[in-house]
Amino acid sequence: MTNLLKEAFERASRLPETEQDAIAALLLAEMADDQRWREAFKRGEARVAELAEEALEEFRTGRTTSLDLDRKK
């Protein structure tokens, strides 16, 4: 445990129980939210890898066209 976290817990331990519970609820909610974001990004990375592989396969099999940025609309 870091010194800063130890200090925060020490200070919080001197507060009334209702305030301690409020702080604890905030910390737990924040940690749960962080976990949800980590899981969402992990799933997103896998999906991006799948899409990249699909795009490469389309390129290898000639199912893509070149993008001509100089072409007038």
C-alpha atoms as a PDB file:
ATOM      1  CA  MET A   1       0.000   0.000   0.000  1.00  0.00           C
ATOM      2  CA  THR A   2       1.337   3.424  -0.886  1.00  0.00           C
ATOM      3  CA  ASN A   3       2.003   6.095   1.710  1.00  0.00           C
ATOM      4  CA  LEU A   4      -0.656   8.330   0.215  1.00  0.00           C
ATOM      5  CA  LEU A   5      -3.302   5.618   0.453  1.00  0.00           C
ATOM      6  CA  LYS A   6      -2.249   4.854   4.032  1.00  0.00           C
ATOM      7  CA  GLU A   7      -2.638   8.536   4.885  1.00  0.00           C
ATOM      8  CA  ALA A   8      -6.070   8.674   3.246  1.00  0.00           C
ATOM      9  CA  PHE A   9      -7.249   5.621   5.197  1.00  0.00           C
ATOM     10  CA  GLU A  10      -5.815   7.004   8.433  1.00  0.00           C
ATOM     11  CA  ARG A  11      -7.638  10.290   7.983  1.00  0.00           C
ATOM     12  CA  ALA A  12     -10.838   8.567   6.931  1.00  0.00           C
ATOM     13  CA  SER A  13     -10.685   6.328   9.994  1.00  0.00           C
ATOM     14  CA  ARG A  14     -11.163   9.414  12.172  1.00  0.00           C
ATOM     15  CA  LEU A  15     -14.405  10.395  10.474  1.00  0.00           C
ATOM     16  CA  PRO A  16     -17.863   9.362  11.662  1.00  0.00           C
ATOM     17  CA  GLU A  17     -18.965   5.919  10.450  1.00  0.00           C
ATOM     18  CA  THR A  18     -21.506   7.314   8.001  1.00  0.00           C
ATOM     19  CA  GLU A  19     -18.792   9.365   6.295  1.00  0.00           C
ATOM     20  CA  GLN A  20     -16.424   6.391   6.300  1.00  0.00           C
ATOM     21  CA  ASP A  21     -19.120   4.305   4.620  1.00  0.00           C
ATOM     22  CA  ALA A  22     -19.717   7.042   2.040  1.00  0.00           C
ATOM     23  CA  ILE A  23     -16.011   7.173   1.182  1.00  0.00           C
ATOM     24  CA  ALA A  24     -15.835   3.382   1.017  1.00  0.00           C
ATOM     25  CA  ALA A  25     -18.849   3.271  -1.308  1.00  0.00           C
ATOM     26  CA  LEU A  26     -17.220   5.849  -3.591  1.00  0.00           C
ATOM     27  CA  LEU A  27     -13.950   3.910  -3.722  1.00  0.00           C
ATOM     28  CA  LEU A  28     -15.680   0.610  -4.419  1.00  0.00           C
ATOM     29  CA  ALA A  29     -17.839   2.154  -7.141  1.00  0.00           C
ATOM     30  CA  GLU A  30     -14.791   3.748  -8.759  1.00  0.00           C
ATOM     31  CA  MET A  31     -12.872   0.465  -8.731  1.00  0.00           C
ATOM     32  CA  ALA A  32     -15.846  -1.398 -10.208  1.00  0.00           C
ATOM     33  CA  ASP A  33     -16.157   1.233 -12.931  1.00  0.00           C
ATOM     34  CA  ASP A  34     -12.447   0.946 -13.740  1.00  0.00           C
ATOM     35  CA  GLN A  35     -12.814  -2.838 -14.026  1.00  0.00           C
ATOM     36  CA  ARG A  36     -15.760  -2.465 -16.425  1.00  0.00           C
ATOM     37  CA  TRP A  37     -13.708  -0.107 -18.611  1.00  0.00           C
ATOM     38  CA  ARG A  38     -10.726  -2.498 -18.640  1.00  0.00           C
ATOM     39  CA  GLU A  39     -12.982  -5.365 -19.710  1.00  0.00           C
ATOM     40  CA  ALA A  40     -14.658  -3.243 -22.387  1.00  0.00           C
ATOM     41  CA  PHE A  41     -11.305  -2.197 -23.839  1.00  0.00           C
ATOM     42  CA  LYS A  42     -10.047  -5.768 -23.756  1.00  0.00           C
ATOM     43  CA  ARG A  43     -13.084  -6.924 -25.775  1.00  0.00           C
ATOM     44  CA  GLY A  44     -12.645  -3.963 -28.108  1.00  0.00           C
ATOM     45  CA  GLU A  45      -9.010  -4.844 -28.799  1.00  0.00           C
ATOM     46  CA  ALA A  46      -9.997  -8.366 -29.820  1.00  0.00           C
ATOM     47  CA  ARG A  47     -12.690  -7.014 -32.169  1.00  0.00           C
ATOM     48  CA  VAL A  48     -10.264  -4.540 -33.761  1.00  0.00           C
ATOM     49  CA  ALA A  49      -7.811  -7.398 -34.357  1.00  0.00           C
ATOM     50  CA  GLU A  50     -10.591  -9.438 -36.019  1.00  0.00           C
ATOM     51  CA  LEU A  51     -11.540  -6.526 -38.270  1.00  0.00           C
ATOM     52  CA  ALA A  52      -7.900  -5.917 -39.192  1.00  0.00           C
ATOM     53  CA  GLU A  53      -7.480  -9.573 -40.154  1.00  0.00           C
ATOM     54  CA  GLU A  54     -10.636  -9.408 -42.279  1.00  0.00           C
ATOM     55  CA  ALA A  55      -9.336  -6.292 -44.046  1.00  0.00           C
ATOM     56  CA  LEU A  56      -5.975  -7.927 -44.729  1.00  0.00           C
ATOM     57  CA  GLU A  57      -7.667 -11.015 -46.124  1.00  0.00           C
ATOM     58  CA  GLU A  58      -9.784  -8.841 -48.426  1.00  0.00           C
ATOM     59  CA  PHE A  59      -6.621  -7.064 -49.589  1.00  0.00           C
ATOM     60  CA  ARG A  60      -4.752 -10.348 -50.171  1.00  0.00           C
ATOM     61  CA  THR A  61      -7.621 -11.758 -52.229  1.00  0.00           C
ATOM     62  CA  GLY A  62      -7.987  -8.600 -54.339  1.00  0.00           C
ATOM     63  CA  ARG A  63     -11.361  -7.560 -52.958  1.00  0.00           C
ATOM     64  CA  THR A  64     -10.222  -3.990 -52.207  1.00  0.00           C
ATOM     65  CA  THR A  65      -9.754  -0.904 -54.335  1.00  0.00           C
ATOM     66  CA  SER A  66      -7.144   1.789 -54.066  1.00  0.00           C
ATOM     67  CA  LEU A  67      -8.136   5.072 -52.524  1.00  0.00           C
ATOM     68  CA  ASP A  68      -7.336   7.898 -54.953  1.00  0.00           C
ATOM     69  CA  LEU A  69      -7.093  11.027 -52.801  1.00  0.00           C
ATOM     70  CA  ASP A  70      -6.325  13.228 -55.828  1.00  0.00           C
ATOM     71  CA  ARG A  71      -9.496  12.206 -57.685  1.00  0.00           C
ATOM     72  CA  LYS A  72     -12.085  14.979 -58.020  1.00  0.00           C
ATOM     73  CA  LYS A  73     -15.607  14.164 -56.945  1.00  0.00           C
END
